Amino acid sequence: MELYFSPLACSLATRIALYEANADAQFIEVDTKSKQLRDGSDFYPINPLGQVPVLRTDEGWLLKENTAILPYVADAFPAAGLAPASGTAQRAKLQEWLGFISTELHKGVFVPLLDPHAPADVRAYTQKKVALRLNVLEQHFGEQEFLLDHFTVADAYLVTVLNWAQYGGVDLAGWPAVAAYYKQTTLRPPVARALKEEIALFGEEQARRQASAS
């Protein structure tokens, strides 16, 4: 498998899932500003939207969107227990959580908050949406350790998105159960490894951009 990723972007969720599964995979870095790979080649033929993640499977398929990639990875490595069996109520709950993270948090909240070009009124409107969505998680994590009854690819996606709170002006201290979940989940060895690696890669990416702009 090959994962096209950008440091600390939502593709981090798939890196976490692959590490949790102890999977053999290659990681290909994408500059999502220039839409180029590190070797200078054009990323658009891989994804016409210029977005990560993209997973090239062992069969040669190109999968896009976390809601497709993460269940695929889980099913490819069933021994890792990253998703309930297909056709079960718990699998439906997994898909529900993936949809919630993708639409309500990732796209609905953090994309506008992290966009430096978003108008001030858009940011203000988005900030008003934060509490309702985090309240859902606060209630859930007041009763459960993970989104389901154990760590799954949905948690890999959620911890990735919650990591953006510090950059998007969202203080998780207002939701102590969510903050505790985030802190505890980042201590999992595969999650900690993925975060450490991508934080370093993010720093290198920013240094390259500054150098090219000077």
C-alpha atoms as a PDB file:
ATOM      1  CA  MET A   1       0.000   0.000   0.000  1.00  0.00           C
ATOM      2  CA  GLU A   2       1.026   3.585  -0.617  1.00  0.00           C
ATOM      3  CA  LEU A   3      -0.407   6.518   1.315  1.00  0.00           C
ATOM      4  CA  TYR A   4      -0.254   9.966  -0.213  1.00  0.00           C
ATOM      5  CA  PHE A   5      -0.219  12.317   2.762  1.00  0.00           C
ATOM      6  CA  SER A   6       0.504  15.829   3.949  1.00  0.00           C
ATOM      7  CA  PRO A   7       1.963  16.348   7.442  1.00  0.00           C
ATOM      8  CA  LEU A   8      -0.712  16.754  10.143  1.00  0.00           C
ATOM      9  CA  ALA A   9      -3.506  16.776   7.569  1.00  0.00           C
ATOM     10  CA  CYS A  10      -6.423  14.353   7.820  1.00  0.00           C
ATOM     11  CA  SER A  11      -4.243  11.709   6.144  1.00  0.00           C
ATOM     12  CA  LEU A  12      -2.657  11.302   9.590  1.00  0.00           C
ATOM     13  CA  ALA A  13      -5.664   9.134  10.488  1.00  0.00           C
ATOM     14  CA  THR A  14      -4.669   6.544   7.896  1.00  0.00           C
ATOM     15  CA  ARG A  15      -1.036   6.574   9.041  1.00  0.00           C
ATOM     16  CA  ILE A  16      -2.285   5.866  12.570  1.00  0.00           C
ATOM     17  CA  ALA A  17      -4.491   3.028  11.314  1.00  0.00           C
ATOM     18  CA  LEU A  18      -1.614   1.498   9.353  1.00  0.00           C
ATOM     19  CA  TYR A  19       0.648   1.688  12.405  1.00  0.00           C
ATOM     20  CA  GLU A  20      -2.055   0.175  14.598  1.00  0.00           C
ATOM     21  CA  ALA A  21      -2.280  -2.708  12.107  1.00  0.00           C
ATOM     22  CA  ASN A  22       1.509  -3.030  11.856  1.00  0.00           C
ATOM     23  CA  ALA A  23       0.998  -2.816   8.095  1.00  0.00           C
ATOM     24  CA  ASP A  24       3.725  -2.662   5.479  1.00  0.00           C
ATOM     25  CA  ALA A  25       3.132   0.629   3.683  1.00  0.00           C
ATOM     26  CA  GLN A  26       4.962   3.404   1.879  1.00  0.00           C
ATOM     27  CA  PHE A  27       4.290   7.069   2.615  1.00  0.00           C
ATOM     28  CA  ILE A  28       4.485   9.636  -0.178  1.00  0.00           C
ATOM     29  CA  GLU A  29       4.491  13.266   0.933  1.00  0.00           C
ATOM     30  CA  VAL A  30       2.361  15.812  -0.911  1.00  0.00           C
ATOM     31  CA  ASP A  31       2.693  19.589  -0.732  1.00  0.00           C
ATOM     32  CA  THR A  32      -0.969  20.554  -0.801  1.00  0.00           C
ATOM     33  CA  LYS A  33      -0.123  24.186  -1.624  1.00  0.00           C
ATOM     34  CA  SER A  34       1.935  23.461  -4.734  1.00  0.00           C
ATOM     35  CA  LYS A  35       0.030  20.209  -5.445  1.00  0.00           C
ATOM     36  CA  GLN A  36       3.338  18.457  -6.011  1.00  0.00           C
ATOM     37  CA  LEU A  37       5.118  15.435  -4.600  1.00  0.00           C
ATOM     38  CA  ARG A  38       8.544  15.786  -3.042  1.00  0.00           C
ATOM     39  CA  ASP A  39      10.150  14.820  -6.364  1.00  0.00           C
ATOM     40  CA  GLY A  40       8.369  17.742  -8.045  1.00  0.00           C
ATOM     41  CA  SER A  41       5.845  15.634  -9.936  1.00  0.00           C
ATOM     42  CA  ASP A  42       2.242  16.732 -10.326  1.00  0.00           C
ATOM     43  CA  PHE A  43      -0.235  15.383  -7.752  1.00  0.00           C
ATOM     44  CA  TYR A  44      -3.370  16.170  -9.755  1.00  0.00           C
ATOM     45  CA  PRO A  45      -3.226  12.934 -11.787  1.00  0.00           C
ATOM     46  CA  ILE A  46      -3.444  11.072  -8.468  1.00  0.00           C
ATOM     47  CA  ASN A  47      -6.331  13.170  -7.154  1.00  0.00           C
ATOM     48  CA  PRO A  48      -7.960  15.808  -9.386  1.00  0.00           C
ATOM     49  CA  LEU A  49      -8.968  17.724  -6.231  1.00  0.00           C
ATOM     50  CA  GLY A  50      -5.356  17.946  -5.081  1.00  0.00           C
ATOM     51  CA  GLN A  51      -6.315  16.691  -1.631  1.00  0.00           C
ATOM     52  CA  VAL A  52      -5.017  13.992   0.696  1.00  0.00           C
ATOM     53  CA  PRO A  53      -5.377  11.254   1.691  1.00  0.00           C
ATOM     54  CA  VAL A  54      -5.141   8.952  -1.281  1.00  0.00           C
ATOM     55  CA  LEU A  55      -4.427   5.283  -0.722  1.00  0.00           C
ATOM     56  CA  ARG A  56      -3.014   3.146  -3.511  1.00  0.00           C
ATOM     57  CA  THR A  57      -3.982  -0.406  -2.630  1.00  0.00           C
ATOM     58  CA  ASP A  58      -1.958  -3.511  -3.387  1.00  0.00           C
ATOM     59  CA  GLU A  59      -4.384  -4.113  -6.268  1.00  0.00           C
ATOM     60  CA  GLY A  60      -3.553  -0.689  -7.703  1.00  0.00           C
ATOM     61  CA  TRP A  61      -6.835   1.047  -6.807  1.00  0.00           C
ATOM     62  CA  LEU A  62      -6.719   4.693  -5.810  1.00  0.00           C
ATOM     63  CA  LEU A  63      -9.023   5.285  -2.858  1.00  0.00           C
ATOM     64  CA  LYS A  64      -9.905   8.800  -1.707  1.00  0.00           C
ATOM     65  CA  GLU A  65     -11.809  10.147   1.323  1.00  0.00           C
ATOM     66  CA  ASN A  66     -11.266   9.013   4.902  1.00  0.00           C
ATOM     67  CA  THR A  67     -14.726   7.491   5.088  1.00  0.00           C
ATOM     68  CA  ALA A  68     -13.680   5.023   2.365  1.00  0.00           C
ATOM     69  CA  ILE A  69      -9.986   4.582   3.143  1.00  0.00           C
ATOM     70  CA  LEU A  70     -10.237   3.916   6.878  1.00  0.00           C
ATOM     71  CA  PRO A  71     -12.781   1.052   6.669  1.00  0.00           C
ATOM     72  CA  TYR A  72     -10.749  -0.414   3.801  1.00  0.00           C
ATOM     73  CA  VAL A  73      -7.588  -0.455   5.929  1.00  0.00           C
ATOM     74  CA  ALA A  74      -9.492  -1.971   8.841  1.00  0.00           C
ATOM     75  CA  ASP A  75     -10.902  -4.738   6.652  1.00  0.00           C
ATOM     76  CA  ALA A  76      -7.499  -5.394   5.057  1.00  0.00           C
ATOM     77  CA  PHE A  77      -6.023  -6.153   8.489  1.00  0.00           C
ATOM     78  CA  PRO A  78      -8.840  -7.809  10.462  1.00  0.00           C
ATOM     79  CA  ALA A  79      -6.519  -9.124  13.178  1.00  0.00           C
ATOM     80  CA  ALA A  80      -5.914  -5.546  14.312  1.00  0.00           C
ATOM     81  CA  GLY A  81      -9.590  -5.192  15.301  1.00  0.00           C
ATOM     82  CA  LEU A  82      -9.892  -1.681  13.864  1.00  0.00           C
ATOM     83  CA  ALA A  83     -13.522  -2.106  12.758  1.00  0.00           C
ATOM     84  CA  PRO A  84     -16.459  -4.333  13.690  1.00  0.00           C
ATOM     85  CA  ALA A  85     -17.582  -6.966  11.209  1.00  0.00           C
ATOM     86  CA  SER A  86     -19.563  -5.779   8.190  1.00  0.00           C
ATOM     87  CA  GLY A  87     -23.323  -6.068   8.457  1.00  0.00           C
ATOM     88  CA  THR A  88     -23.419  -5.612  12.238  1.00  0.00           C
ATOM     89  CA  ALA A  89     -24.981  -2.861  14.316  1.00  0.00           C
ATOM     90  CA  GLN A  90     -21.536  -1.863  15.574  1.00  0.00           C
ATOM     91  CA  ARG A  91     -20.279  -1.494  12.001  1.00  0.00           C
ATOM     92  CA  ALA A  92     -23.176   0.836  11.307  1.00  0.00           C
ATOM     93  CA  LYS A  93     -22.215   2.844  14.413  1.00  0.00           C
ATOM     94  CA  LEU A  94     -18.646   3.035  13.121  1.00  0.00           C
ATOM     95  CA  GLN A  95     -19.900   4.500   9.849  1.00  0.00           C
ATOM     96  CA  GLU A  96     -22.076   6.916  11.793  1.00  0.00           C
ATOM     97  CA  TRP A  97     -19.087   8.199  13.747  1.00  0.00           C
ATOM     98  CA  LEU A  98     -16.950   8.458  10.607  1.00  0.00           C
ATOM     99  CA  GLY A  99     -19.697  10.539   9.008  1.00  0.00           C
ATOM    100  CA  PHE A 100     -19.984  12.759  12.094  1.00  0.00           C
ATOM    101  CA  ILE A 101     -16.240  13.391  12.216  1.00  0.00           C
ATOM    102  CA  SER A 102     -16.018  14.038   8.487  1.00  0.00           C
ATOM    103  CA  THR A 103     -18.988  16.375   8.086  1.00  0.00           C
ATOM    104  CA  GLU A 104     -19.644  17.964  11.473  1.00  0.00           C
ATOM    105  CA  LEU A 105     -16.071  18.385  12.702  1.00  0.00           C
ATOM    106  CA  HIS A 106     -13.586  18.129   9.844  1.00  0.00           C
ATOM    107  CA  LYS A 107     -15.465  20.001   7.116  1.00  0.00           C
ATOM    108  CA  GLY A 108     -18.072  21.799   9.209  1.00  0.00           C
ATOM    109  CA  VAL A 109     -15.806  23.240  11.897  1.00  0.00           C
ATOM    110  CA  PHE A 110     -12.095  22.925  11.318  1.00  0.00           C
ATOM    111  CA  VAL A 111     -11.787  23.610   7.601  1.00  0.00           C
ATOM    112  CA  PRO A 112     -13.112  27.176   7.967  1.00  0.00           C
ATOM    113  CA  LEU A 113     -11.308  27.770  11.273  1.00  0.00           C
ATOM    114  CA  LEU A 114      -7.974  26.678   9.813  1.00  0.00           C
ATOM    115  CA  ASP A 115      -8.365  28.526   6.521  1.00  0.00           C
ATOM    116  CA  PRO A 116      -6.272  31.729   6.722  1.00  0.00           C
ATOM    117  CA  HIS A 117      -8.369  33.222   3.947  1.00  0.00           C
ATOM    118  CA  ALA A 118     -11.743  32.630   5.634  1.00  0.00           C
ATOM    119  CA  PRO A 119     -13.559  35.930   6.300  1.00  0.00           C
ATOM    120  CA  ALA A 120     -13.997  37.001   9.911  1.00  0.00           C
ATOM    121  CA  ASP A 121     -17.772  36.545   9.784  1.00  0.00           C
ATOM    122  CA  VAL A 122     -17.322  32.961   8.553  1.00  0.00           C
ATOM    123  CA  ARG A 123     -14.973  32.228  11.449  1.00  0.00           C
ATOM    124  CA  ALA A 124     -17.407  33.775  13.931  1.00  0.00           C
ATOM    125  CA  TYR A 125     -20.301  31.757  12.521  1.00  0.00           C
ATOM    126  CA  THR A 126     -18.238  28.572  12.676  1.00  0.00           C
ATOM    127  CA  GLN A 127     -17.196  29.186  16.277  1.00  0.00           C
ATOM    128  CA  LYS A 128     -20.885  29.205  17.207  1.00  0.00           C
ATOM    129  CA  LYS A 129     -21.160  25.644  15.854  1.00  0.00           C
ATOM    130  CA  VAL A 130     -18.323  24.250  17.959  1.00  0.00           C
ATOM    131  CA  ALA A 131     -20.098  23.799  21.292  1.00  0.00           C
ATOM    132  CA  LEU A 132     -23.029  21.746  20.010  1.00  0.00           C
ATOM    133  CA  ARG A 133     -20.734  19.272  18.289  1.00  0.00           C
ATOM    134  CA  LEU A 134     -18.227  18.959  21.108  1.00  0.00           C
ATOM    135  CA  ASN A 135     -21.105  18.595  23.571  1.00  0.00           C
ATOM    136  CA  VAL A 136     -22.072  15.406  21.730  1.00  0.00           C
ATOM    137  CA  LEU A 137     -18.571  14.055  22.255  1.00  0.00           C
ATOM    138  CA  GLU A 138     -18.440  15.288  25.864  1.00  0.00           C
ATOM    139  CA  GLN A 139     -21.542  13.319  26.752  1.00  0.00           C
ATOM    140  CA  HIS A 140     -20.257  10.236  24.954  1.00  0.00           C
ATOM    141  CA  PHE A 141     -16.803  10.242  26.562  1.00  0.00           C
ATOM    142  CA  GLY A 142     -18.346  10.810  29.960  1.00  0.00           C
ATOM    143  CA  GLU A 143     -19.529   7.219  29.601  1.00  0.00           C
ATOM    144  CA  GLN A 144     -17.131   5.483  27.201  1.00  0.00           C
ATOM    145  CA  GLU A 145     -13.370   5.352  26.669  1.00  0.00           C
ATOM    146  CA  PHE A 146     -13.551   5.189  22.866  1.00  0.00           C
ATOM    147  CA  LEU A 147     -16.138   5.899  20.190  1.00  0.00           C
ATOM    148  CA  LEU A 148     -17.079   2.207  20.190  1.00  0.00           C
ATOM    149  CA  ASP A 149     -16.145  -0.380  22.791  1.00  0.00           C
ATOM    150  CA  HIS A 150     -12.464  -0.378  21.746  1.00  0.00           C
ATOM    151  CA  PHE A 151     -10.079   1.675  19.597  1.00  0.00           C
ATOM    152  CA  THR A 152     -11.117   1.721  15.925  1.00  0.00           C
ATOM    153  CA  VAL A 153     -10.346   3.682  12.775  1.00  0.00           C
ATOM    154  CA  ALA A 154     -12.986   6.177  13.904  1.00  0.00           C
ATOM    155  CA  ASP A 155     -10.772   7.039  16.875  1.00  0.00           C
ATOM    156  CA  ALA A 156      -7.786   7.388  14.527  1.00  0.00           C
ATOM    157  CA  TYR A 157      -9.791   9.980  12.585  1.00  0.00           C
ATOM    158  CA  LEU A 158     -11.134  11.770  15.651  1.00  0.00           C
ATOM    159  CA  VAL A 159      -7.765  12.167  17.370  1.00  0.00           C
ATOM    160  CA  THR A 160      -6.406  13.564  14.089  1.00  0.00           C
ATOM    161  CA  VAL A 161      -9.163  16.164  13.904  1.00  0.00           C
ATOM    162  CA  LEU A 162      -8.985  17.067  17.594  1.00  0.00           C
ATOM    163  CA  ASN A 163      -5.272  17.711  17.135  1.00  0.00           C
ATOM    164  CA  TRP A 164      -6.264  20.723  15.018  1.00  0.00           C
ATOM    165  CA  ALA A 165      -8.086  22.368  17.937  1.00  0.00           C
ATOM    166  CA  GLN A 166      -4.874  23.996  19.148  1.00  0.00           C
ATOM    167  CA  TYR A 167      -4.387  25.612  15.736  1.00  0.00           C
ATOM    168  CA  GLY A 168      -8.026  26.559  15.170  1.00  0.00           C
ATOM    169  CA  GLY A 169      -8.708  28.513  18.345  1.00  0.00           C
ATOM    170  CA  VAL A 170     -10.744  25.762  20.027  1.00  0.00           C
ATOM    171  CA  ASP A 171      -9.846  25.215  23.690  1.00  0.00           C
ATOM    172  CA  LEU A 172     -10.702  21.625  24.603  1.00  0.00           C
ATOM    173  CA  ALA A 173     -10.478  22.540  28.299  1.00  0.00           C
ATOM    174  CA  GLY A 174     -14.121  23.535  28.033  1.00  0.00           C
ATOM    175  CA  TRP A 175     -14.925  19.875  27.364  1.00  0.00           C
ATOM    176  CA  PRO A 176     -12.894  17.967  29.956  1.00  0.00           C
ATOM    177  CA  ALA A 177     -13.991  14.482  28.892  1.00  0.00           C
ATOM    178  CA  VAL A 178     -13.029  15.251  25.293  1.00  0.00           C
ATOM    179  CA  ALA A 179      -9.701  16.705  26.430  1.00  0.00           C
ATOM    180  CA  ALA A 180      -9.006  13.608  28.524  1.00  0.00           C
ATOM    181  CA  TYR A 181      -9.889  11.341  25.592  1.00  0.00           C
ATOM    182  CA  TYR A 182      -7.551  13.279  23.309  1.00  0.00           C
ATOM    183  CA  LYS A 183      -4.673  13.215  25.796  1.00  0.00           C
ATOM    184  CA  GLN A 184      -5.070   9.508  26.558  1.00  0.00           C
ATOM    185  CA  THR A 185      -5.407   8.527  22.916  1.00  0.00           C
ATOM    186  CA  THR A 186      -2.248  10.400  21.914  1.00  0.00           C
ATOM    187  CA  LEU A 187      -0.365   8.210  24.417  1.00  0.00           C
ATOM    188  CA  ARG A 188      -1.137   5.047  22.446  1.00  0.00           C
ATOM    189  CA  PRO A 189       2.221   4.000  20.912  1.00  0.00           C
ATOM    190  CA  PRO A 190       1.037   3.948  17.259  1.00  0.00           C
ATOM    191  CA  VAL A 191      -0.676   7.327  17.674  1.00  0.00           C
ATOM    192  CA  ALA A 192       2.310   8.856  19.459  1.00  0.00           C
ATOM    193  CA  ARG A 193       4.655   7.532  16.764  1.00  0.00           C
ATOM    194  CA  ALA A 194       2.540   8.928  13.934  1.00  0.00           C
ATOM    195  CA  LEU A 195       2.191  12.333  15.600  1.00  0.00           C
ATOM    196  CA  LYS A 196       5.905  12.607  16.384  1.00  0.00           C
ATOM    197  CA  GLU A 197       6.869  11.777  12.815  1.00  0.00           C
ATOM    198  CA  GLU A 198       4.388  14.140  11.219  1.00  0.00           C
ATOM    199  CA  ILE A 199       5.160  17.030  13.562  1.00  0.00           C
ATOM    200  CA  ALA A 200       8.789  16.746  12.437  1.00  0.00           C
ATOM    201  CA  LEU A 201       7.755  16.542   8.777  1.00  0.00           C
ATOM    202  CA  PHE A 202       5.468  19.554   9.226  1.00  0.00           C
ATOM    203  CA  GLY A 203       8.370  21.572  10.574  1.00  0.00           C
ATOM    204  CA  GLU A 204      10.502  20.577   7.583  1.00  0.00           C
ATOM    205  CA  GLU A 205       7.669  21.497   5.204  1.00  0.00           C
ATOM    206  CA  GLN A 206       7.285  24.947   6.756  1.00  0.00           C
ATOM    207  CA  ALA A 207      11.056  25.521   6.532  1.00  0.00           C
ATOM    208  CA  ARG A 208      11.047  24.615   2.830  1.00  0.00           C
ATOM    209  CA  ARG A 209       8.175  26.984   2.125  1.00  0.00           C
ATOM    210  CA  GLN A 210       9.883  29.841   3.966  1.00  0.00           C
ATOM    211  CA  ALA A 211      13.112  29.178   2.084  1.00  0.00           C
ATOM    212  CA  SER A 212      11.362  29.182  -1.296  1.00  0.00           C
ATOM    213  CA  ALA A 213       9.532  32.419  -0.443  1.00  0.00           C
ATOM    214  CA  SER A 214      12.690  34.290   0.541  1.00  0.00           C
END
